[in-house]
């Protein structure tokens, strides 16, 4: 049998997680942009997008959120990289 050695399996896990992390990162950027653009935060009782994302409910810092949104905007919306 051709069994993977433990370090080969670990490398495979790392590479698969890396691909998933990139996908999830872009999904987060898209969701944050949509929330801000469509003011979904109001439905949760928040007056501003920043108040919503920084709340205990979400827990993402403003700087982090805008960085993720910027990556999505640049690479997916402007450069056409697929999600």
N, C-alpha and C. Protein backbone atom coordinates (compact mmCIF):
# COMPACT_ATOMS: atom_id res chain seq x y z
N UNK A 1 0.83 -1.19 0.00
CA UNK A 1 0.00 0.00 0.00
C UNK A 1 0.87 1.25 0.00
N UNK A 2 0.28 2.29 -0.49
CA UNK A 2 0.99 3.56 -0.57
C UNK A 2 0.45 4.52 0.49
N UNK A 3 0.80 4.26 1.74
CA UNK A 3 0.32 5.10 2.82
C UNK A 3 1.18 6.34 2.95
N UNK A 4 0.52 7.46 3.28
CA UNK A 4 1.25 8.70 3.49
C UNK A 4 1.97 8.65 4.83
N UNK A 5 3.18 9.16 4.83
CA UNK A 5 3.88 9.31 6.09
C UNK A 5 3.23 10.46 6.84
N UNK A 6 3.41 10.48 8.15
CA UNK A 6 2.72 11.47 8.98
C UNK A 6 3.04 12.90 8.55
N UNK A 7 4.27 13.19 8.18
CA UNK A 7 4.62 14.55 7.77
C UNK A 7 4.07 14.89 6.39
N UNK A 8 3.88 13.89 5.55
CA UNK A 8 3.24 14.12 4.25
C UNK A 8 1.76 14.43 4.43
N UNK A 9 1.12 13.71 5.33
CA UNK A 9 -0.29 13.97 5.63
C UNK A 9 -0.45 15.37 6.22
N UNK A 10 0.47 15.74 7.11
CA UNK A 10 0.43 17.07 7.71
C UNK A 10 0.56 18.15 6.65
N UNK A 11 1.48 17.95 5.71
CA UNK A 11 1.65 18.93 4.64
C UNK A 11 0.38 19.03 3.80
N UNK A 12 -0.23 17.92 3.52
CA UNK A 12 -1.48 17.89 2.77
C UNK A 12 -2.57 18.67 3.52
N UNK A 13 -2.64 18.48 4.83
CA UNK A 13 -3.60 19.21 5.66
C UNK A 13 -3.35 20.72 5.61
N UNK A 14 -2.09 21.09 5.70
CA UNK A 14 -1.73 22.52 5.64
C UNK A 14 -2.15 23.13 4.32
N UNK A 15 -1.85 22.46 3.23
CA UNK A 15 -2.18 22.99 1.90
C UNK A 15 -3.69 23.09 1.69
N UNK A 16 -4.43 22.10 2.15
CA UNK A 16 -5.89 22.15 2.04
C UNK A 16 -6.46 23.28 2.89
N UNK A 17 -5.94 23.45 4.09
CA UNK A 17 -6.41 24.53 4.97
C UNK A 17 -6.08 25.90 4.38
N UNK A 18 -4.92 26.00 3.74
CA UNK A 18 -4.52 27.26 3.12
C UNK A 18 -5.49 27.66 2.01
N UNK A 19 -5.89 26.72 1.21
CA UNK A 19 -6.86 26.99 0.14
C UNK A 19 -8.19 27.41 0.75
N UNK A 20 -8.64 26.68 1.77
CA UNK A 20 -9.90 27.03 2.44
C UNK A 20 -9.82 28.40 3.09
N UNK A 21 -8.70 28.72 3.70
CA UNK A 21 -8.54 30.02 4.37
C UNK A 21 -8.70 31.16 3.37
N UNK A 22 -8.10 31.01 2.21
CA UNK A 22 -8.23 32.04 1.18
C UNK A 22 -9.67 32.20 0.72
N UNK A 23 -10.35 31.10 0.55
CA UNK A 23 -11.75 31.14 0.13
C UNK A 23 -12.62 31.79 1.20
N UNK A 24 -12.41 31.40 2.44
CA UNK A 24 -13.21 31.96 3.53
C UNK A 24 -12.90 33.45 3.73
N UNK A 25 -11.66 33.83 3.54
CA UNK A 25 -11.26 35.22 3.65
C UNK A 25 -12.02 36.07 2.63
N UNK A 26 -12.09 35.59 1.41
CA UNK A 26 -12.82 36.32 0.37
C UNK A 26 -14.32 36.33 0.65
N UNK A 27 -14.85 35.23 1.15
CA UNK A 27 -16.28 35.18 1.51
C UNK A 27 -16.59 36.19 2.60
N UNK A 28 -15.70 36.33 3.57
CA UNK A 28 -15.88 37.31 4.63
C UNK A 28 -15.88 38.72 4.05
N UNK A 29 -14.95 39.00 3.15
CA UNK A 29 -14.89 40.31 2.52
C UNK A 29 -16.17 40.64 1.77
N UNK A 30 -16.69 39.67 1.03
CA UNK A 30 -17.93 39.88 0.28
C UNK A 30 -19.10 40.14 1.22
N UNK A 31 -19.20 39.35 2.28
CA UNK A 31 -20.30 39.49 3.23
C UNK A 31 -20.24 40.84 3.96
N UNK A 32 -19.05 41.28 4.33
CA UNK A 32 -18.91 42.58 4.99
C UNK A 32 -19.29 43.73 4.06
N UNK A 33 -18.85 43.64 2.81
CA UNK A 33 -19.20 44.68 1.83
C UNK A 33 -20.71 44.74 1.64
N UNK A 34 -21.34 43.59 1.53
CA UNK A 34 -22.79 43.55 1.37
C UNK A 34 -23.50 44.13 2.60
N UNK A 35 -23.04 43.75 3.77
CA UNK A 35 -23.65 44.26 5.01
C UNK A 35 -23.58 45.77 5.07
N UNK A 36 -22.43 46.32 4.73
CA UNK A 36 -22.25 47.77 4.77
C UNK A 36 -23.07 48.45 3.68
N UNK A 37 -22.99 47.94 2.47
CA UNK A 37 -23.67 48.56 1.33
C UNK A 37 -25.19 48.54 1.47
N UNK A 38 -25.72 47.47 2.02
CA UNK A 38 -27.17 47.32 2.13
C UNK A 38 -27.70 47.65 3.53
N UNK A 39 -26.80 48.12 4.39
CA UNK A 39 -27.14 48.52 5.76
C UNK A 39 -27.87 47.42 6.54
N UNK A 40 -27.43 46.18 6.37
CA UNK A 40 -28.03 45.06 7.10
C UNK A 40 -27.88 45.21 8.61
N UNK A 41 -26.87 45.94 9.05
CA UNK A 41 -26.62 46.14 10.48
C UNK A 41 -27.80 46.81 11.18
N UNK A 42 -28.57 47.59 10.44
CA UNK A 42 -29.73 48.28 11.03
C UNK A 42 -30.75 47.26 11.51
N UNK A 43 -30.92 46.19 10.75
CA UNK A 43 -31.84 45.13 11.15
C UNK A 43 -31.45 44.45 12.45
N UNK A 44 -30.19 44.57 12.83
CA UNK A 44 -29.70 43.99 14.08
C UNK A 44 -29.70 45.02 15.21
N UNK A 45 -30.23 46.22 14.90
CA UNK A 45 -30.36 47.24 15.93
C UNK A 45 -29.16 48.15 16.10
N UNK A 46 -28.29 48.20 15.12
CA UNK A 46 -27.10 49.05 15.20
C UNK A 46 -27.25 50.25 14.28
N UNK A 47 -26.76 51.39 14.73
CA UNK A 47 -26.87 52.62 13.95
C UNK A 47 -25.80 52.71 12.87
N UNK A 48 -24.65 52.09 13.12
CA UNK A 48 -23.56 52.16 12.14
C UNK A 48 -22.97 50.78 11.89
N UNK A 49 -22.35 50.65 10.75
CA UNK A 49 -21.66 49.42 10.38
C UNK A 49 -20.53 49.14 11.37
N UNK A 50 -19.77 50.17 11.72
CA UNK A 50 -18.66 49.99 12.66
C UNK A 50 -19.15 49.51 14.02
N UNK A 51 -20.24 50.09 14.52
CA UNK A 51 -20.78 49.63 15.79
C UNK A 51 -21.15 48.15 15.71
N UNK A 52 -21.72 47.75 14.60
CA UNK A 52 -22.14 46.36 14.41
C UNK A 52 -20.96 45.40 14.40
N UNK A 53 -19.96 45.68 13.56
CA UNK A 53 -18.84 44.73 13.44
C UNK A 53 -17.99 44.69 14.70
N UNK A 54 -17.93 45.81 15.43
CA UNK A 54 -17.12 45.83 16.64
C UNK A 54 -17.89 45.34 17.87
N UNK A 55 -19.17 45.04 17.71
CA UNK A 55 -19.98 44.56 18.83
C UNK A 55 -19.54 43.15 19.24
N UNK A 56 -19.99 42.73 20.42
CA UNK A 56 -19.70 41.37 20.88
C UNK A 56 -20.32 40.34 19.94
N UNK A 57 -21.37 40.74 19.26
CA UNK A 57 -22.07 39.83 18.34
C UNK A 57 -21.16 39.38 17.20
N UNK A 58 -20.36 40.30 16.64
CA UNK A 58 -19.47 39.98 15.53
C UNK A 58 -18.01 39.93 15.99
N UNK A 59 -17.56 40.99 16.64
CA UNK A 59 -16.21 40.98 17.22
C UNK A 59 -15.05 41.17 16.26
N UNK A 60 -15.28 41.88 15.18
CA UNK A 60 -14.21 42.18 14.23
C UNK A 60 -13.86 43.66 14.37
N UNK A 61 -12.59 43.96 14.53
CA UNK A 61 -12.18 45.35 14.61
C UNK A 61 -12.41 46.08 13.29
N UNK A 62 -12.66 47.36 13.38
CA UNK A 62 -12.91 48.17 12.18
C UNK A 62 -11.76 48.05 11.19
N UNK A 63 -10.57 48.16 11.69
CA UNK A 63 -9.38 48.10 10.82
C UNK A 63 -9.30 46.76 10.08
N UNK A 64 -9.54 45.68 10.82
CA UNK A 64 -9.51 44.34 10.21
C UNK A 64 -10.60 44.21 9.15
N UNK A 65 -11.80 44.65 9.48
CA UNK A 65 -12.92 44.52 8.55
C UNK A 65 -12.65 45.28 7.26
N UNK A 66 -12.18 46.50 7.38
CA UNK A 66 -11.93 47.28 6.18
C UNK A 66 -10.75 46.74 5.38
N UNK A 67 -9.79 46.12 6.04
CA UNK A 67 -8.68 45.47 5.33
C UNK A 67 -9.20 44.29 4.51
N UNK A 68 -10.04 43.46 5.11
CA UNK A 68 -10.60 42.30 4.41
C UNK A 68 -11.48 42.77 3.25
N UNK A 69 -12.27 43.79 3.49
CA UNK A 69 -13.12 44.34 2.43
C UNK A 69 -12.26 44.90 1.29
N UNK A 70 -11.16 45.52 1.64
CA UNK A 70 -10.25 46.06 0.63
C UNK A 70 -9.64 44.99 -0.25
N UNK A 71 -9.26 43.88 0.37
CA UNK A 71 -8.69 42.76 -0.40
C UNK A 71 -9.73 42.22 -1.37
N UNK A 72 -10.94 42.01 -0.89
CA UNK A 72 -12.01 41.51 -1.76
C UNK A 72 -12.27 42.49 -2.90
N UNK A 73 -12.39 43.75 -2.56
CA UNK A 73 -12.67 44.77 -3.57
C UNK A 73 -11.58 44.81 -4.63
N UNK A 74 -10.35 44.78 -4.19
CA UNK A 74 -9.23 44.88 -5.13
C UNK A 74 -9.14 43.65 -6.02
N UNK A 75 -9.12 42.48 -5.41
CA UNK A 75 -8.82 41.28 -6.18
C UNK A 75 -10.02 40.67 -6.88
N UNK A 76 -11.17 40.69 -6.27
CA UNK A 76 -12.34 40.07 -6.89
C UNK A 76 -13.08 41.08 -7.77
N UNK A 77 -13.40 42.23 -7.21
CA UNK A 77 -14.20 43.20 -7.97
C UNK A 77 -13.40 43.91 -9.06
N UNK A 78 -12.17 44.29 -8.76
CA UNK A 78 -11.37 45.05 -9.74
C UNK A 78 -10.53 44.17 -10.66
N UNK A 79 -9.90 43.13 -10.09
CA UNK A 79 -8.99 42.30 -10.89
C UNK A 79 -9.65 41.05 -11.46
N UNK A 80 -10.85 40.73 -10.98
CA UNK A 80 -11.59 39.58 -11.52
C UNK A 80 -11.13 38.22 -11.04
N UNK A 81 -10.43 38.17 -9.91
CA UNK A 81 -10.03 36.88 -9.36
C UNK A 81 -11.29 36.15 -8.88
N UNK A 82 -11.46 34.89 -9.26
CA UNK A 82 -12.67 34.17 -8.84
C UNK A 82 -12.65 33.89 -7.34
N UNK A 83 -13.84 33.88 -6.76
CA UNK A 83 -13.96 33.58 -5.32
C UNK A 83 -13.72 32.12 -5.06
